[in-house]
Amino acid sequence: MAKEIIHTTKQLYIDMGSRLRQERVRLNYTQEQIAEVLNMSTAYYGKIERGVHGLSLQKLLLIKPKTEDRYHIFNYWTRESRLSI
């Protein structure tokens, strides 16, 4: 059970990072620009995009106003997430 949760969390981080990168590239932002908005180092943000670390809901909400299609990235996680609360 614990191993399954770790695997699921890791996959969520990988999926989240991939989606964040896709949106950042689509909107023509650099990692530095997004890291500045999130008040974190570029190195740490790079680890988020690679799925090493996750991003808190608070930080996700900071990115939300920067996107043109504000709910695109959020709808994916709501629809596709297999984690249950």
N, C-alpha and C. Protein backbone atom coordinates (compact mmCIF):
# COMPACT_ATOMS: atom_id res chain seq x y z
N MET A 1 0.83 -1.21 0.00
CA MET A 1 0.00 0.00 0.00
C MET A 1 0.86 1.26 0.00
N ALA A 2 1.82 1.35 0.93
CA ALA A 2 2.68 2.54 1.00
C ALA A 2 3.49 2.69 -0.28
N LYS A 3 3.95 1.57 -0.84
CA LYS A 3 4.72 1.62 -2.08
C LYS A 3 3.85 2.15 -3.23
N GLU A 4 2.58 1.73 -3.25
CA GLU A 4 1.65 2.20 -4.28
C GLU A 4 1.42 3.71 -4.16
N ILE A 5 1.28 4.21 -2.95
CA ILE A 5 1.08 5.64 -2.74
C ILE A 5 2.30 6.42 -3.19
N ILE A 6 3.50 5.94 -2.87
CA ILE A 6 4.73 6.61 -3.30
C ILE A 6 4.80 6.64 -4.81
N HIS A 7 4.50 5.50 -5.45
CA HIS A 7 4.54 5.44 -6.90
C HIS A 7 3.51 6.41 -7.51
N THR A 8 2.33 6.45 -6.95
CA THR A 8 1.28 7.33 -7.44
C THR A 8 1.68 8.79 -7.26
N THR A 9 2.26 9.13 -6.13
CA THR A 9 2.70 10.50 -5.89
C THR A 9 3.80 10.87 -6.86
N LYS A 10 4.75 9.98 -7.08
CA LYS A 10 5.84 10.24 -8.01
C LYS A 10 5.28 10.46 -9.42
N GLN A 11 4.33 9.63 -9.82
CA GLN A 11 3.73 9.79 -11.15
C GLN A 11 2.98 11.11 -11.26
N LEU A 12 2.32 11.52 -10.18
CA LEU A 12 1.64 12.81 -10.16
C LEU A 12 2.64 13.94 -10.36
N TYR A 13 3.79 13.88 -9.66
CA TYR A 13 4.82 14.90 -9.82
C TYR A 13 5.34 14.95 -11.26
N ILE A 14 5.54 13.77 -11.85
CA ILE A 14 6.02 13.71 -13.23
C ILE A 14 4.98 14.30 -14.18
N ASP A 15 3.73 13.92 -14.01
CA ASP A 15 2.65 14.46 -14.86
C ASP A 15 2.50 15.97 -14.68
N MET A 16 2.55 16.42 -13.44
CA MET A 16 2.43 17.85 -13.14
C MET A 16 3.57 18.63 -13.80
N GLY A 17 4.78 18.14 -13.63
CA GLY A 17 5.93 18.81 -14.22
C GLY A 17 5.85 18.87 -15.73
N SER A 18 5.41 17.79 -16.33
CA SER A 18 5.28 17.74 -17.79
C SER A 18 4.24 18.76 -18.28
N ARG A 19 3.11 18.82 -17.60
CA ARG A 19 2.06 19.78 -17.98
C ARG A 19 2.53 21.23 -17.77
N LEU A 20 3.22 21.47 -16.66
CA LEU A 20 3.73 22.82 -16.42
C LEU A 20 4.70 23.23 -17.53
N ARG A 21 5.57 22.31 -17.91
CA ARG A 21 6.53 22.62 -18.98
C ARG A 21 5.79 22.89 -20.30
N GLN A 22 4.83 22.05 -20.64
CA GLN A 22 4.07 22.26 -21.88
C GLN A 22 3.41 23.63 -21.91
N GLU A 23 2.78 24.00 -20.81
CA GLU A 23 2.12 25.31 -20.74
C GLU A 23 3.14 26.45 -20.81
N ARG A 24 4.25 26.29 -20.10
CA ARG A 24 5.28 27.34 -20.10
C ARG A 24 5.82 27.55 -21.51
N VAL A 25 6.11 26.46 -22.20
CA VAL A 25 6.63 26.56 -23.56
C VAL A 25 5.57 27.14 -24.50
N ARG A 26 4.34 26.67 -24.35
CA ARG A 26 3.24 27.16 -25.21
C ARG A 26 3.07 28.67 -25.06
N LEU A 27 3.24 29.16 -23.84
CA LEU A 27 3.05 30.58 -23.57
C LEU A 27 4.33 31.40 -23.73
N ASN A 28 5.40 30.73 -24.13
CA ASN A 28 6.68 31.38 -24.40
C ASN A 28 7.29 32.04 -23.15
N TYR A 29 7.18 31.37 -22.02
CA TYR A 29 7.83 31.81 -20.79
C TYR A 29 9.10 31.01 -20.58
N THR A 30 10.07 31.59 -19.91
CA THR A 30 11.27 30.86 -19.53
C THR A 30 11.07 30.26 -18.14
N GLN A 31 11.92 29.30 -17.79
CA GLN A 31 11.88 28.76 -16.44
C GLN A 31 12.18 29.86 -15.43
N GLU A 32 13.07 30.76 -15.79
CA GLU A 32 13.42 31.86 -14.89
C GLU A 32 12.21 32.74 -14.59
N GLN A 33 11.41 33.03 -15.61
CA GLN A 33 10.24 33.88 -15.41
C GLN A 33 9.22 33.20 -14.48
N ILE A 34 8.98 31.92 -14.70
CA ILE A 34 8.02 31.21 -13.86
C ILE A 34 8.56 31.09 -12.44
N ALA A 35 9.84 30.79 -12.30
CA ALA A 35 10.44 30.68 -10.97
C ALA A 35 10.32 31.99 -10.21
N GLU A 36 10.48 33.10 -10.91
CA GLU A 36 10.36 34.41 -10.27
C GLU A 36 8.93 34.63 -9.75
N VAL A 37 7.94 34.28 -10.56
CA VAL A 37 6.54 34.41 -10.14
C VAL A 37 6.28 33.56 -8.89
N LEU A 38 6.89 32.39 -8.85
CA LEU A 38 6.68 31.47 -7.74
C LEU A 38 7.60 31.74 -6.55
N ASN A 39 8.47 32.71 -6.69
CA ASN A 39 9.40 33.08 -5.63
C ASN A 39 10.27 31.89 -5.21
N MET A 40 10.88 31.25 -6.22
CA MET A 40 11.77 30.11 -5.97
C MET A 40 12.92 30.17 -6.97
N SER A 41 13.94 29.39 -6.70
CA SER A 41 15.09 29.38 -7.60
C SER A 41 14.73 28.68 -8.91
N THR A 42 15.44 29.04 -9.96
CA THR A 42 15.24 28.39 -11.25
C THR A 42 15.60 26.92 -11.16
N ALA A 43 16.63 26.59 -10.40
CA ALA A 43 17.04 25.19 -10.23
C ALA A 43 15.91 24.36 -9.61
N TYR A 44 15.27 24.91 -8.60
CA TYR A 44 14.18 24.18 -7.94
C TYR A 44 12.99 24.03 -8.90
N TYR A 45 12.67 25.09 -9.62
CA TYR A 45 11.57 24.99 -10.58
C TYR A 45 11.87 23.94 -11.65
N GLY A 46 13.12 23.88 -12.08
CA GLY A 46 13.51 22.86 -13.06
C GLY A 46 13.26 21.46 -12.52
N LYS A 47 13.50 21.25 -11.23
CA LYS A 47 13.24 19.95 -10.62
C LYS A 47 11.75 19.65 -10.59
N ILE A 48 10.93 20.68 -10.45
CA ILE A 48 9.48 20.48 -10.49
C ILE A 48 9.07 20.03 -11.89
N GLU A 49 9.59 20.67 -12.91
CA GLU A 49 9.25 20.27 -14.28
C GLU A 49 9.73 18.86 -14.59
N ARG A 50 10.80 18.42 -13.96
CA ARG A 50 11.31 17.06 -14.18
C ARG A 50 10.63 16.02 -13.29
N GLY A 51 9.75 16.46 -12.40
CA GLY A 51 9.02 15.53 -11.55
C GLY A 51 9.75 15.10 -10.30
N VAL A 52 10.84 15.78 -9.97
CA VAL A 52 11.59 15.46 -8.75
C VAL A 52 10.82 15.96 -7.53
N HIS A 53 10.23 17.13 -7.66
CA HIS A 53 9.44 17.74 -6.58
C HIS A 53 8.06 18.10 -7.11
N GLY A 54 7.11 18.20 -6.21
CA GLY A 54 5.77 18.63 -6.57
C GLY A 54 5.62 20.13 -6.35
N LEU A 55 4.48 20.63 -6.69
CA LEU A 55 4.17 22.04 -6.53
C LEU A 55 2.91 22.15 -5.68
N SER A 56 2.95 22.99 -4.68
CA SER A 56 1.79 23.13 -3.79
C SER A 56 0.63 23.80 -4.52
N LEU A 57 -0.55 23.60 -4.00
CA LEU A 57 -1.73 24.26 -4.56
C LEU A 57 -1.56 25.77 -4.52
N GLN A 58 -1.00 26.28 -3.44
CA GLN A 58 -0.76 27.72 -3.31
C GLN A 58 0.11 28.23 -4.46
N LYS A 59 1.16 27.49 -4.80
CA LYS A 59 2.03 27.90 -5.90
C LYS A 59 1.33 27.75 -7.24
N LEU A 60 0.53 26.70 -7.40
CA LEU A 60 -0.22 26.53 -8.64
C LEU A 60 -1.15 27.72 -8.89
N LEU A 61 -1.74 28.22 -7.83
CA LEU A 61 -2.64 29.36 -7.97
C LEU A 61 -1.90 30.64 -8.35
N LEU A 62 -0.62 30.72 -8.04
CA LEU A 62 0.18 31.87 -8.47
C LEU A 62 0.41 31.84 -9.97
N ILE A 63 0.50 30.64 -10.54
CA ILE A 63 0.72 30.49 -11.99
C ILE A 63 -0.57 30.76 -12.76
N LYS A 64 -1.69 30.41 -12.18
CA LYS A 64 -2.98 30.48 -12.87
C LYS A 64 -3.21 31.79 -13.64
N PRO A 65 -2.99 32.96 -13.05
CA PRO A 65 -3.23 34.19 -13.82
C PRO A 65 -2.26 34.40 -14.98
N LYS A 66 -1.15 33.67 -15.01
CA LYS A 66 -0.18 33.82 -16.09
C LYS A 66 -0.57 33.07 -17.35
N THR A 67 -1.54 32.19 -17.26
CA THR A 67 -1.91 31.40 -18.43
C THR A 67 -3.08 32.05 -19.16
N GLU A 68 -3.08 31.88 -20.47
CA GLU A 68 -4.17 32.43 -21.29
C GLU A 68 -5.44 31.60 -21.10
N ASP A 69 -5.28 30.30 -21.17
CA ASP A 69 -6.39 29.37 -20.96
C ASP A 69 -6.31 28.95 -19.50
N ARG A 70 -6.84 29.74 -18.63
CA ARG A 70 -6.58 29.64 -17.20
C ARG A 70 -6.88 28.29 -16.57
N TYR A 71 -7.78 27.54 -17.14
CA TYR A 71 -8.16 26.29 -16.49
C TYR A 71 -7.63 25.06 -17.20
N HIS A 72 -6.96 25.21 -18.30
CA HIS A 72 -6.46 24.07 -19.08
C HIS A 72 -5.63 23.12 -18.22
N ILE A 73 -4.65 23.64 -17.54
CA ILE A 73 -3.74 22.80 -16.75
C ILE A 73 -4.44 22.20 -15.54
N PHE A 74 -5.40 22.92 -14.97
CA PHE A 74 -6.09 22.43 -13.79
C PHE A 74 -7.12 21.38 -14.15
N ASN A 75 -7.81 21.54 -15.26
CA ASN A 75 -8.81 20.56 -15.67
C ASN A 75 -8.19 19.20 -15.92
N TYR A 76 -6.98 19.18 -16.46
CA TYR A 76 -6.32 17.90 -16.72
C TYR A 76 -6.15 17.12 -15.43
N TRP A 77 -5.63 17.78 -14.39
CA TRP A 77 -5.39 17.06 -13.14
C TRP A 77 -6.68 16.63 -12.48
N THR A 78 -7.70 17.42 -12.56
CA THR A 78 -8.98 17.07 -11.95
C THR A 78 -9.58 15.86 -12.66
N ARG A 79 -9.51 15.87 -13.96
CA ARG A 79 -10.11 14.81 -14.77
C ARG A 79 -9.29 13.53 -14.73
N GLU A 80 -7.96 13.63 -14.75
CA GLU A 80 -7.11 12.47 -14.90
C GLU A 80 -6.54 11.91 -13.61
N SER A 81 -6.61 12.65 -12.54
CA SER A 81 -5.98 12.21 -11.30
C SER A 81 -6.63 10.92 -10.78
N ARG A 82 -5.78 10.01 -10.38
CA ARG A 82 -6.27 8.75 -9.82
C ARG A 82 -6.16 8.77 -8.30
N LEU A 83 -5.68 9.85 -7.75
CA LEU A 83 -5.56 9.94 -6.29
C LEU A 83 -6.93 10.26 -5.71
N SER A 84 -7.27 9.59 -4.65
CA SER A 84 -8.54 9.89 -3.99
C SER A 84 -8.25 10.49 -2.63
N ILE A 85 -9.08 11.42 -2.25
CA ILE A 85 -8.90 12.10 -0.97
C ILE A 85 -9.88 11.55 0.02
